[in-house]
Amino acid sequence: MKAYETVATVQDPGEVRVAGVPFAPGTEVEVTISPRRRAAEEFVAAWQLVCTQLRERPGLETISDDEIRDEIDRYRTGQ
């Protein structure tokens, strides 16, 4: 199956127009709409910010690896 990917901007009142598609008039197509993915650099920057904020939380330097593993195990078993 041939696929065609493009970007568009949602217009008021919630309409999207896609022009110049490489399909003949009358061709039935599937349409999936999702928010545009972030660029890799944006994602990395956002992830680094979250990690920095987590590391700066008070008291975290005293948590051991064993305590973290125990917490994960309890979560996975629904405790």
C-alpha atoms as a PDB file:
ATOM      1  CA  MET A   1       0.000   0.000   0.000  1.00  0.00           C
ATOM      2  CA  LYS A   2       1.336   3.397  -0.908  1.00  0.00           C
ATOM      3  CA  ALA A   3       1.307   5.961   1.864  1.00  0.00           C
ATOM      4  CA  TYR A   4       1.518   9.729   1.668  1.00  0.00           C
ATOM      5  CA  GLU A   5       2.539  11.758   4.680  1.00  0.00           C
ATOM      6  CA  THR A   6       2.219  15.514   5.033  1.00  0.00           C
ATOM      7  CA  VAL A   7       1.474  18.143   7.639  1.00  0.00           C
ATOM      8  CA  ALA A   8      -1.426  20.547   7.852  1.00  0.00           C
ATOM      9  CA  THR A   9      -2.746  23.107  10.296  1.00  0.00           C
ATOM     10  CA  VAL A  10      -6.173  22.788  11.872  1.00  0.00           C
ATOM     11  CA  GLN A  11      -8.304  25.746  10.842  1.00  0.00           C
ATOM     12  CA  ASP A  12     -11.307  27.190  12.638  1.00  0.00           C
ATOM     13  CA  PRO A  13     -13.773  25.478  13.204  1.00  0.00           C
ATOM     14  CA  GLY A  14     -11.712  22.293  13.417  1.00  0.00           C
ATOM     15  CA  GLU A  15     -11.206  21.743   9.703  1.00  0.00           C
ATOM     16  CA  VAL A  16      -8.136  20.311   7.975  1.00  0.00           C
ATOM     17  CA  ARG A  17      -7.510  20.622   4.234  1.00  0.00           C
ATOM     18  CA  VAL A  18      -4.947  18.467   2.461  1.00  0.00           C
ATOM     19  CA  ALA A  19      -4.188  19.455  -1.115  1.00  0.00           C
ATOM     20  CA  GLY A  20      -1.963  17.900  -3.755  1.00  0.00           C
ATOM     21  CA  VAL A  21      -2.284  14.279  -2.679  1.00  0.00           C
ATOM     22  CA  PRO A  22      -0.874  11.728  -5.147  1.00  0.00           C
ATOM     23  CA  PHE A  23      -4.135   9.796  -5.603  1.00  0.00           C
ATOM     24  CA  ALA A  24      -6.633   9.915  -8.425  1.00  0.00           C
ATOM     25  CA  PRO A  25      -9.960  11.643  -7.866  1.00  0.00           C
ATOM     26  CA  GLY A  26     -12.490   9.181  -6.480  1.00  0.00           C
ATOM     27  CA  THR A  27      -9.852   7.038  -4.744  1.00  0.00           C
ATOM     28  CA  GLU A  28     -11.013   6.001  -1.287  1.00  0.00           C
ATOM     29  CA  VAL A  29      -8.276   6.761   1.279  1.00  0.00           C
ATOM     30  CA  GLU A  30      -7.801   6.230   4.985  1.00  0.00           C
ATOM     31  CA  VAL A  31      -7.160   9.326   7.057  1.00  0.00           C
ATOM     32  CA  THR A  32      -5.418   9.393  10.440  1.00  0.00           C
ATOM     33  CA  ILE A  33      -4.820  12.673  12.228  1.00  0.00           C
ATOM     34  CA  SER A  34      -2.495  13.161  15.200  1.00  0.00           C
ATOM     35  CA  PRO A  35      -0.565  16.085  16.679  1.00  0.00           C
ATOM     36  CA  ARG A  36       2.746  16.641  14.945  1.00  0.00           C
ATOM     37  CA  ARG A  37       5.644  14.823  16.588  1.00  0.00           C
ATOM     38  CA  ARG A  38       8.317  16.879  18.246  1.00  0.00           C
ATOM     39  CA  ALA A  39      11.717  17.116  16.669  1.00  0.00           C
ATOM     40  CA  ALA A  40      14.264  14.809  18.314  1.00  0.00           C
ATOM     41  CA  GLU A  41      16.110  17.797  19.768  1.00  0.00           C
ATOM     42  CA  GLU A  42      12.927  19.118  21.409  1.00  0.00           C
ATOM     43  CA  PHE A  43      12.168  15.724  22.924  1.00  0.00           C
ATOM     44  CA  VAL A  44      15.707  15.345  24.295  1.00  0.00           C
ATOM     45  CA  ALA A  45      15.626  18.840  25.825  1.00  0.00           C
ATOM     46  CA  ALA A  46      12.233  18.184  27.469  1.00  0.00           C
ATOM     47  CA  TRP A  47      13.423  14.805  28.812  1.00  0.00           C
ATOM     48  CA  GLN A  48      16.605  16.338  30.233  1.00  0.00           C
ATOM     49  CA  LEU A  49      14.546  19.032  31.960  1.00  0.00           C
ATOM     50  CA  VAL A  50      12.308  16.411  33.598  1.00  0.00           C
ATOM     51  CA  CYS A  51      15.352  14.418  34.746  1.00  0.00           C
ATOM     52  CA  THR A  52      16.984  17.539  36.184  1.00  0.00           C
ATOM     53  CA  GLN A  53      13.813  18.474  38.051  1.00  0.00           C
ATOM     54  CA  LEU A  54      13.514  14.963  39.489  1.00  0.00           C
ATOM     55  CA  ARG A  55      17.150  14.919  40.604  1.00  0.00           C
ATOM     56  CA  GLU A  56      16.673  18.237  42.410  1.00  0.00           C
ATOM     57  CA  ARG A  57      13.821  16.981  44.596  1.00  0.00           C
ATOM     58  CA  PRO A  58      14.801  17.015  48.264  1.00  0.00           C
ATOM     59  CA  GLY A  59      15.558  13.689  49.956  1.00  0.00           C
ATOM     60  CA  LEU A  60      16.178  11.699  46.801  1.00  0.00           C
ATOM     61  CA  GLU A  61      19.918  11.426  47.413  1.00  0.00           C
ATOM     62  CA  THR A  62      19.216   9.182  50.400  1.00  0.00           C
ATOM     63  CA  ILE A  63      17.180   6.575  48.475  1.00  0.00           C
ATOM     64  CA  SER A  64      19.126   3.389  47.766  1.00  0.00           C
ATOM     65  CA  ASP A  65      19.006   1.261  44.633  1.00  0.00           C
ATOM     66  CA  ASP A  66      17.470  -1.542  46.701  1.00  0.00           C
ATOM     67  CA  GLU A  67      14.646   0.743  47.823  1.00  0.00           C
ATOM     68  CA  ILE A  68      13.989   1.697  44.204  1.00  0.00           C
ATOM     69  CA  ARG A  69      13.911  -1.975  43.137  1.00  0.00           C
ATOM     70  CA  ASP A  70      11.519  -2.789  46.013  1.00  0.00           C
ATOM     71  CA  GLU A  71       9.226   0.074  44.977  1.00  0.00           C
ATOM     72  CA  ILE A  72       9.179  -1.163  41.384  1.00  0.00           C
ATOM     73  CA  ASP A  73       8.430  -4.725  42.503  1.00  0.00           C
ATOM     74  CA  ARG A  74       5.564  -3.527  44.724  1.00  0.00           C
ATOM     75  CA  TYR A  75       4.132  -1.467  41.851  1.00  0.00           C
ATOM     76  CA  ARG A  76       4.307  -4.406  39.427  1.00  0.00           C
ATOM     77  CA  THR A  77       2.510  -6.694  41.874  1.00  0.00           C
ATOM     78  CA  GLY A  78      -0.179  -4.094  42.551  1.00  0.00           C
ATOM     79  CA  GLN A  79       0.773  -3.381  46.140  1.00  0.00           C
END
